[in-house]
Amino acid sequence: MHVGTPPSDGAGGGLLDSLKTLGRVAVDMLHTRLDLFATELAEEQGRITELLLIGAVSLLCIFLATVFAAFFIVAMFWDTPYRLVAPGVIAAVLAIVAVVAGAAFRRRVRSKSKLFSATLEELGEDIKRLR
């Protein structure tokens, strides 16, 4: 071995090599976390789009069914003394259904999954490992 040449076992550039390795690992970890974040964001976007589509179709069908059912009931009672009671009962029932549906919707919105929970969990684990 010549004087002034670093040893071939890697001990010579140890600090610089360690810093490069640490930098590569940090970039790899950041890339993995950002990839996980992007995946979770796409999943959440798909879930919201699906919920909106299903909700819109459901609301349209419920609206049409309600209109036709109300028309049918009013027509059934048209020639009776209850022709004014029938629309009132229909309105009361619809109001009760609206309150129950609103409460169910509010409960569903509040019980949604925590957005980006896997990403936050992994970042928390990374912080624990670095300490």
Foldseek 3Di string as FASTA:
>chain_A
DDPPDDDPPCPPCVVVVVVVVVVVVVVVLVVVLVVLLVVLVVVVVVVVVVVVVVVVVVVVVVVVVLVVVLVVQLVVCVPDPCNVVSVVVSVVVVVVVVVVVVVVVVVVVVPDDDRSPVSVVSVVVVVVVVD
